[in-house]
Amino acid sequence: MATATATIDLNAIRQNWQKLRRLSSGDTAAVVKANAYGLGVKQVASALYNEGARIFFIATAEEGAELRSIVGKIPDIYIFSGHMTGDTELIKNYSLIPLINSIEQLSRHCELSREQKFGIQLDTGMNRLGMEPMEWETVK
């Protein structure tokens, strides 16, 4: 039975990051959720950090805690899944920034982590993560 092998070219990742940064007028962020899409979060995030990445996105607070141990205290680490039940200690202890996806998450965050940063994620029509337009109107 044949098996597949993936070879990760960190130099290509570094070069792509530098090209993206040069072409972007704003801040550039690295999405390294799901173990850097199966490529290995430790090696990929370390390479990107060494190239100047200071904003990272991950899926869960647990991934954020792992990433914080890799990249240190400086970068901003955003959580796509927001502030889920049970995430408060990880968010506080690892200085993670949840992207709030619902009124329920906003209430939880304001109640339990008032001093922690957060972002608002809006559903842009893909019906994935983010507040629906009606929810956003209520929050505003």
Protein backbone atom coordinates (compact mmCIF):
# COMPACT_ATOMS: atom_id res chain seq x y z
CA MET A 1 0.00 0.00 0.00
CA ALA A 2 1.40 3.40 -0.99
CA THR A 3 1.66 6.16 1.59
CA ALA A 4 1.85 9.87 1.02
CA THR A 5 4.51 12.10 2.48
CA ALA A 6 4.24 15.86 2.90
CA THR A 7 7.43 17.88 2.93
CA ILE A 8 7.20 21.32 4.47
CA ASP A 9 9.43 23.94 2.89
CA LEU A 10 9.86 26.52 5.64
CA ASN A 11 11.91 28.71 3.31
CA ALA A 12 8.94 28.90 0.94
CA ILE A 13 6.66 29.81 3.87
CA ARG A 14 9.11 32.53 4.93
CA GLN A 15 9.39 33.91 1.39
CA ASN A 16 5.60 33.89 0.93
CA TRP A 17 5.20 35.74 4.24
CA GLN A 18 7.69 38.42 3.20
CA LYS A 19 5.98 38.86 -0.19
CA LEU A 20 2.58 39.15 1.47
CA ARG A 21 3.87 41.76 3.92
CA ARG A 22 5.40 43.81 1.12
CA LEU A 23 2.14 43.74 -0.85
CA SER A 24 -0.11 44.59 2.11
CA SER A 25 -0.75 48.15 3.19
CA GLY A 26 -2.07 47.17 6.62
CA ASP A 27 -1.05 44.68 9.26
CA THR A 28 -0.50 41.13 8.07
CA ALA A 29 -1.58 38.19 10.22
CA ALA A 30 -0.81 34.48 10.16
CA VAL A 31 -3.56 31.88 10.54
CA VAL A 32 -2.06 28.78 12.15
CA LYS A 33 -5.17 26.98 13.40
CA ALA A 34 -5.44 23.18 13.35
CA ASN A 35 -1.72 22.63 13.91
CA ALA A 36 -0.93 25.14 11.13
CA TYR A 37 -3.28 23.22 8.84
CA GLY A 38 -1.42 20.02 9.60
CA LEU A 39 2.00 21.45 8.76
CA GLY A 40 3.19 21.68 12.37
CA VAL A 41 2.35 24.76 14.42
CA LYS A 42 5.68 24.80 16.26
CA GLN A 43 7.84 24.97 13.14
CA VAL A 44 5.48 27.14 11.07
CA ALA A 45 4.63 29.67 13.81
CA SER A 46 8.29 29.91 14.86
CA ALA A 47 9.36 30.58 11.28
CA LEU A 48 6.66 33.22 10.81
CA TYR A 49 7.46 34.87 14.14
CA ASN A 50 11.14 35.04 13.20
CA GLU A 51 10.10 36.74 9.94
CA GLY A 52 8.17 39.40 11.84
CA ALA A 53 4.65 37.98 12.29
CA ARG A 54 3.13 39.62 15.36
CA ILE A 55 -0.55 38.79 14.82
CA PHE A 56 -1.77 35.20 14.80
CA PHE A 57 -5.19 33.59 14.48
CA ILE A 58 -6.08 30.17 15.86
CA ALA A 59 -9.33 28.21 16.26
CA THR A 60 -9.59 27.57 20.01
CA ALA A 61 -8.29 28.85 23.33
CA GLU A 62 -6.37 25.59 23.78
CA GLU A 63 -4.56 26.20 20.48
CA GLY A 64 -3.88 29.74 21.66
CA ALA A 65 -2.25 28.53 24.87
CA GLU A 66 -0.02 26.20 22.87
CA LEU A 67 0.88 28.96 20.41
CA ARG A 68 1.70 31.39 23.24
CA SER A 69 4.28 28.90 24.55
CA ILE A 70 5.86 28.87 21.07
CA VAL A 71 5.89 32.59 20.18
CA GLY A 72 6.15 34.20 23.62
CA LYS A 73 4.36 37.21 25.08
CA ILE A 74 4.66 39.77 22.28
CA PRO A 75 2.25 38.68 19.50
CA ASP A 76 -1.49 39.20 19.54
CA ILE A 77 -3.26 35.84 19.36
CA TYR A 78 -6.91 35.90 18.24
CA ILE A 79 -9.37 33.04 18.80
CA PHE A 80 -11.82 32.41 15.93
CA SER A 81 -14.22 30.44 18.17
CA GLY A 82 -14.62 33.41 20.51
CA HIS A 83 -15.10 33.17 24.27
CA MET A 84 -16.53 29.70 24.81
CA THR A 85 -17.77 28.35 28.13
CA GLY A 86 -14.72 27.28 30.13
CA ASP A 87 -12.23 29.45 28.19
CA THR A 88 -11.94 32.33 30.67
CA GLU A 89 -8.81 31.13 32.50
CA LEU A 90 -6.96 30.34 29.27
CA ILE A 91 -7.92 33.73 27.82
CA LYS A 92 -6.67 35.52 30.93
CA ASN A 93 -3.58 33.42 31.63
CA TYR A 94 -2.31 33.44 28.04
CA SER A 95 -3.47 36.94 27.05
CA LEU A 96 -5.62 35.65 24.19
CA ILE A 97 -8.05 37.82 22.24
CA PRO A 98 -11.39 36.15 21.50
CA LEU A 99 -13.35 37.14 18.41
CA ILE A 100 -16.87 37.39 19.82
CA ASN A 101 -19.40 35.45 17.72
CA SER A 102 -22.67 36.00 19.59
CA ILE A 103 -24.44 38.13 22.17
CA GLU A 104 -24.02 35.23 24.59
CA GLN A 105 -20.23 35.32 24.14
CA LEU A 106 -20.17 39.10 24.50
CA SER A 107 -22.09 38.85 27.78
CA ARG A 108 -19.78 36.09 29.03
CA HIS A 109 -16.67 38.05 28.13
CA CYS A 110 -17.86 41.30 29.70
CA GLU A 111 -18.89 39.46 32.86
CA LEU A 112 -15.80 37.28 33.29
CA SER A 113 -12.95 39.05 31.49
CA ARG A 114 -13.86 42.72 31.44
CA GLU A 115 -10.24 43.90 31.27
CA GLN A 116 -9.23 41.55 28.43
CA LYS A 117 -9.21 42.70 24.79
CA PHE A 118 -11.69 41.21 22.34
CA GLY A 119 -12.79 41.58 18.75
CA ILE A 120 -16.20 41.26 17.12
CA GLN A 121 -16.66 38.76 14.32
CA LEU A 122 -19.50 39.42 11.89
CA ASP A 123 -21.21 36.82 9.70
CA THR A 124 -20.57 38.03 6.17
CA GLY A 125 -23.12 35.69 4.64
CA MET A 126 -21.27 32.39 4.76
CA ASN A 127 -23.26 31.33 7.86
CA ARG A 128 -20.16 30.15 9.66
CA LEU A 129 -18.84 32.12 12.63
CA GLY A 130 -19.88 35.63 13.54
CA MET A 131 -22.81 37.69 14.69
CA GLU A 132 -25.80 37.90 12.39
CA PRO A 133 -26.80 41.43 11.27
CA MET A 134 -29.78 41.45 13.68
CA GLU A 135 -27.51 40.52 16.61
CA TRP A 136 -25.02 43.22 15.65
CA GLU A 137 -27.77 45.84 15.54
CA THR A 138 -28.82 44.80 19.06
CA VAL A 139 -25.25 45.09 20.37
CA LYS A 140 -24.51 48.47 18.76
